[in-house]
Amino acid sequence: MSGEKILVVEDEAAIRELIAYNLKREGYVVDTADSGEDGLRMAFTSSPALILLDLMLPGMDGLAICRALRADKRTSSIPIIMLTARSEETDVVTGLGVGADDYVTKPFSPRVLVARVRAFLRRATVGDADPTTVLIAGQLSIDPGRHDVRVDGTRVELTPTEFQILLTLVRRPGWVFSRYQIVNAVRGSDAIITDRAVDVQIVGLRKKLGDCGHYIETVRGVGYRFKELE
């Protein structure tokens, strides 16, 4: 039994109860909210390990909630998986662009959703990083164990996905990763995501890294690499 807390923000009662039932069967502690405002309040007060967030909510929608969560230090690093009936690329890209880490489209299999949650939490808490090794690259320092990234000593707030992408690239400077390889490294080979969505994550990561953003280089027609620094 895992005991980790999951917050489910979903306005449709049947879907909300189905998700909660299946998560509880797997040993998770589940909090639920049926509106964006309640979900945001509960995220700030209950410190969940992961948030399942519906995109289409009455009042404050999922995109607005995601922005608010990422803007607050209490919740900026909590993994967010968006639930959406929209499968169009533009909607997915928008969700990832405001800070969501992954998405699941409706209708979905409860078993698949639970598996995605389990895998995401496992990668977020365990991963393959050596927690004792701080990586230094130019003005950039990365502490995998603490999920701490600094540019010239100033801490940079990254989402879990942004952090994993950066860590993947930094570990092999000069090595070109395709978008497919990046998705596999960050979310597992079962992730369904577009090339454009990976590009959005990279754009956001470069922006947050500021003067170190140029360390991440685009290799046209292939993917991305972390610049080899002398």
Protein backbone atom coordinates (compact mmCIF):
# COMPACT_ATOMS: atom_id res chain seq x y z
CA MET A 1 0.00 0.00 0.00
CA SER A 2 1.56 3.24 -1.12
CA GLY A 3 -0.23 5.77 1.11
CA GLU A 4 0.68 8.67 -1.19
CA LYS A 5 -1.95 11.37 -1.51
CA ILE A 6 -3.57 12.11 -4.88
CA LEU A 7 -5.81 15.11 -5.48
CA VAL A 8 -8.50 14.59 -8.13
CA VAL A 9 -10.11 17.76 -9.51
CA GLU A 10 -13.04 16.71 -11.70
CA ASP A 11 -16.54 18.18 -11.93
CA GLU A 12 -18.28 15.08 -13.32
CA ALA A 13 -19.29 13.01 -10.28
CA ALA A 14 -19.26 9.63 -12.05
CA ILE A 15 -15.74 10.13 -13.40
CA ARG A 16 -14.49 11.58 -10.11
CA GLU A 17 -15.83 8.63 -8.12
CA LEU A 18 -14.49 6.10 -10.62
CA ILE A 19 -10.99 7.57 -10.41
CA ALA A 20 -11.08 7.79 -6.62
CA TYR A 21 -12.32 4.21 -6.28
CA ASN A 22 -9.56 2.79 -8.44
CA LEU A 23 -6.82 4.83 -6.79
CA LYS A 24 -7.97 3.84 -3.30
CA ARG A 25 -7.93 0.17 -4.35
CA GLU A 26 -4.22 0.64 -5.07
CA GLY A 27 -3.57 2.08 -1.62
CA TYR A 28 -3.50 5.77 -2.43
CA VAL A 29 -5.07 8.39 -0.18
CA VAL A 30 -7.47 10.38 -2.36
CA ASP A 31 -8.83 13.90 -1.96
CA THR A 32 -11.44 15.09 -4.45
CA ALA A 33 -12.76 18.46 -5.58
CA ASP A 34 -15.60 19.22 -7.98
CA SER A 35 -14.57 22.77 -8.88
CA GLY A 36 -11.41 24.58 -9.78
CA GLU A 37 -11.59 26.91 -6.81
CA ASP A 38 -11.93 24.03 -4.32
CA GLY A 39 -9.18 22.09 -6.08
CA LEU A 40 -6.77 25.00 -5.85
CA ARG A 41 -7.54 25.53 -2.16
CA MET A 42 -7.02 21.84 -1.39
CA ALA A 43 -3.76 21.73 -3.34
CA PHE A 44 -2.40 24.58 -1.22
CA THR A 45 -3.47 23.03 2.09
CA SER A 46 -3.08 19.26 1.67
CA SER A 47 0.25 18.98 -0.21
CA PRO A 48 -0.66 16.06 -2.53
CA ALA A 49 2.01 13.91 -4.17
CA LEU A 50 0.28 14.29 -7.55
CA ILE A 51 -2.73 16.12 -8.99
CA LEU A 52 -5.18 14.76 -11.58
CA LEU A 53 -6.72 17.89 -13.08
CA ASP A 54 -9.65 18.09 -15.48
CA LEU A 55 -9.13 20.66 -18.22
CA MET A 56 -12.77 21.67 -18.62
CA LEU A 57 -14.10 22.85 -15.25
CA PRO A 58 -16.86 25.33 -14.44
CA GLY A 59 -15.58 28.69 -13.26
CA MET A 60 -11.81 28.48 -12.94
CA ASP A 61 -10.72 26.01 -15.61
CA GLY A 62 -7.82 23.58 -15.58
CA LEU A 63 -5.44 25.88 -17.44
CA ALA A 64 -5.96 28.70 -14.95
CA ILE A 65 -5.49 26.30 -12.03
CA CYS A 66 -2.31 24.92 -13.54
CA ARG A 67 -0.87 28.40 -13.93
CA ALA A 68 -1.73 29.24 -10.31
CA LEU A 69 -0.18 26.01 -9.02
CA ARG A 70 3.05 26.60 -10.91
CA ALA A 71 3.25 30.20 -9.72
CA ASP A 72 3.10 29.27 -6.03
CA LYS A 73 6.16 27.84 -4.26
CA ARG A 74 3.97 25.50 -2.21
CA THR A 75 2.77 23.67 -5.31
CA SER A 76 5.23 24.53 -8.09
CA SER A 77 6.92 21.11 -8.04
CA ILE A 78 3.82 18.88 -7.67
CA PRO A 79 3.34 16.65 -10.76
CA ILE A 80 0.15 17.47 -12.67
CA ILE A 81 -1.59 15.07 -15.06
CA MET A 82 -4.36 16.73 -17.03
CA LEU A 83 -7.58 14.90 -17.85
CA THR A 84 -9.15 16.14 -21.04
CA ALA A 85 -11.79 15.18 -23.56
CA ARG A 86 -9.84 17.21 -26.08
CA SER A 87 -7.28 15.24 -28.05
CA GLU A 88 -6.38 17.99 -30.51
CA GLU A 89 -2.70 18.86 -30.54
CA THR A 90 -3.25 22.54 -29.80
CA ASP A 91 -5.15 21.78 -26.58
CA VAL A 92 -2.51 19.33 -25.40
CA VAL A 93 0.29 21.76 -26.19
CA THR A 94 -1.52 24.55 -24.31
CA GLY A 95 -1.86 22.36 -21.22
CA LEU A 96 1.81 21.36 -21.26
CA GLY A 97 2.78 24.94 -21.97
CA VAL A 98 1.24 26.22 -18.73
CA GLY A 99 3.00 23.59 -16.64
CA ALA A 100 1.17 20.25 -16.83
CA ASP A 101 3.54 17.27 -16.82
CA ASP A 102 1.39 14.79 -18.73
CA TYR A 103 -2.13 14.28 -20.02
CA VAL A 104 -4.73 11.53 -20.38
CA THR A 105 -7.59 11.84 -22.83
CA LYS A 106 -11.17 10.79 -22.08
CA PRO A 107 -12.52 8.20 -22.28
CA PHE A 108 -9.74 6.32 -20.53
CA SER A 109 -9.23 2.93 -18.91
CA PRO A 110 -9.04 3.23 -15.09
CA ARG A 111 -6.29 0.60 -15.11
CA VAL A 112 -4.26 2.63 -17.58
CA LEU A 113 -4.76 5.81 -15.55
CA VAL A 114 -3.66 4.12 -12.32
CA ALA A 115 -0.64 2.65 -14.10
CA ARG A 116 0.28 6.11 -15.41
CA VAL A 117 -0.01 7.59 -11.91
CA ARG A 118 2.07 4.79 -10.39
CA ALA A 119 4.78 5.09 -13.02
CA PHE A 120 4.93 8.86 -12.76
CA LEU A 121 5.27 8.82 -8.96
CA ARG A 122 7.91 6.10 -9.16
CA ARG A 123 9.98 8.16 -11.59
CA ALA A 124 9.47 11.33 -9.57
CA THR A 125 10.54 9.80 -6.26
CA VAL A 126 13.13 7.24 -7.29
CA GLY A 127 14.41 7.91 -10.79
CA ASP A 128 17.86 6.86 -11.83
CA ALA A 129 19.75 9.86 -10.52
CA ASP A 130 22.60 9.54 -8.08
CA PRO A 131 21.36 11.68 -5.18
CA THR A 132 24.90 12.29 -3.94
CA THR A 133 26.25 13.81 -7.17
CA VAL A 134 25.71 17.47 -7.98
CA LEU A 135 26.11 18.08 -11.71
CA ILE A 136 27.94 21.24 -12.75
CA ALA A 137 27.82 22.63 -16.29
CA GLY A 138 29.07 26.15 -16.76
CA GLN A 139 26.88 28.49 -14.70
CA LEU A 140 24.38 25.69 -14.13
CA SER A 141 24.26 23.30 -11.16
CA ILE A 142 21.81 20.42 -10.70
CA ASP A 143 21.28 18.47 -7.49
CA PRO A 144 19.26 15.37 -8.52
CA GLY A 145 18.52 14.26 -4.96
CA ARG A 146 17.03 17.61 -3.97
CA HIS A 147 15.53 18.39 -7.40
CA ASP A 148 17.41 21.66 -7.10
CA VAL A 149 18.56 23.66 -10.13
CA ARG A 150 20.56 26.87 -9.89
CA VAL A 151 21.90 29.39 -12.39
CA ASP A 152 24.77 31.43 -10.96
CA GLY A 153 23.64 30.34 -7.51
CA THR A 154 20.04 31.48 -7.97
CA ARG A 155 17.44 28.73 -7.64
CA VAL A 156 15.27 28.04 -10.69
CA GLU A 157 11.78 26.58 -10.20
CA LEU A 158 11.18 23.76 -12.70
CA THR A 159 8.23 21.42 -13.11
CA PRO A 160 9.02 17.71 -12.60
CA THR A 161 8.97 17.15 -16.35
CA GLU A 162 11.26 20.09 -17.08
CA PHE A 163 13.66 18.84 -14.43
CA GLN A 164 13.75 15.32 -15.89
CA ILE A 165 14.30 16.63 -19.41
CA LEU A 166 17.18 18.79 -18.23
CA LEU A 167 18.70 15.94 -16.23
CA THR A 168 18.42 13.58 -19.21
CA LEU A 169 20.23 16.02 -21.49
CA VAL A 170 22.90 17.13 -19.01
CA ARG A 171 23.98 13.59 -18.20
CA ARG A 172 25.14 13.09 -21.78
CA PRO A 173 26.49 16.40 -23.09
CA GLY A 174 26.87 16.45 -26.86
CA TRP A 175 24.57 13.45 -27.30
CA VAL A 176 21.58 14.14 -29.54
CA PHE A 177 18.25 12.95 -28.15
CA SER A 178 15.27 12.58 -30.46
CA ARG A 179 11.92 13.81 -29.20
CA TYR A 180 10.85 10.18 -28.94
CA GLN A 181 13.85 9.39 -26.72
CA ILE A 182 13.09 12.37 -24.52
CA VAL A 183 9.50 11.21 -24.03
CA ASN A 184 10.69 7.69 -23.16
CA ALA A 185 13.25 8.98 -20.68
CA VAL A 186 10.83 11.30 -18.92
CA ARG A 187 7.46 9.54 -19.01
CA GLY A 188 8.08 6.01 -20.21
CA SER A 189 7.56 4.38 -23.56
CA ASP A 190 3.76 4.24 -23.15
CA ALA A 191 3.37 8.01 -23.21
CA ILE A 192 1.23 9.46 -26.00
CA ILE A 193 2.54 12.88 -26.87
CA THR A 194 3.28 14.92 -29.97
CA ASP A 195 6.64 16.23 -31.15
CA ARG A 196 5.25 19.73 -30.79
CA ALA A 197 4.53 19.13 -27.08
CA VAL A 198 8.19 18.24 -26.48
CA ASP A 199 9.18 21.46 -28.24
CA VAL A 200 6.93 23.44 -25.88
CA GLN A 201 8.64 21.90 -22.85
CA ILE A 202 12.06 22.79 -24.25
CA VAL A 203 11.01 26.38 -24.94
CA GLY A 204 9.76 26.76 -21.37
CA LEU A 205 12.90 25.17 -19.95
CA ARG A 206 15.21 27.46 -21.92
CA LYS A 207 13.27 30.50 -20.76
CA LYS A 208 13.54 29.51 -17.11
CA LEU A 209 17.27 28.82 -17.41
CA GLY A 210 17.85 32.37 -18.64
CA ASP A 211 21.53 32.88 -19.48
CA CYS A 212 22.01 29.10 -19.51
CA GLY A 213 19.12 28.47 -21.89
CA HIS A 214 21.47 28.35 -24.87
CA TYR A 215 23.15 25.27 -23.36
CA ILE A 216 20.22 23.30 -24.82
CA GLU A 217 20.79 23.14 -28.55
CA THR A 218 18.36 22.23 -31.32
CA VAL A 219 19.57 19.71 -33.89
CA ARG A 220 17.33 20.27 -36.87
CA GLY A 221 15.40 17.24 -38.03
CA VAL A 222 16.62 15.16 -35.08
CA GLY A 223 16.00 16.60 -31.61
CA TYR A 224 17.99 18.27 -28.84
CA ARG A 225 21.34 18.05 -27.07
CA PHE A 226 23.09 19.69 -24.16
CA LYS A 227 26.07 21.73 -25.32
CA GLU A 228 29.51 20.32 -24.55
CA LEU A 229 31.19 22.91 -22.35
CA GLU A 230 34.92 23.28 -21.86
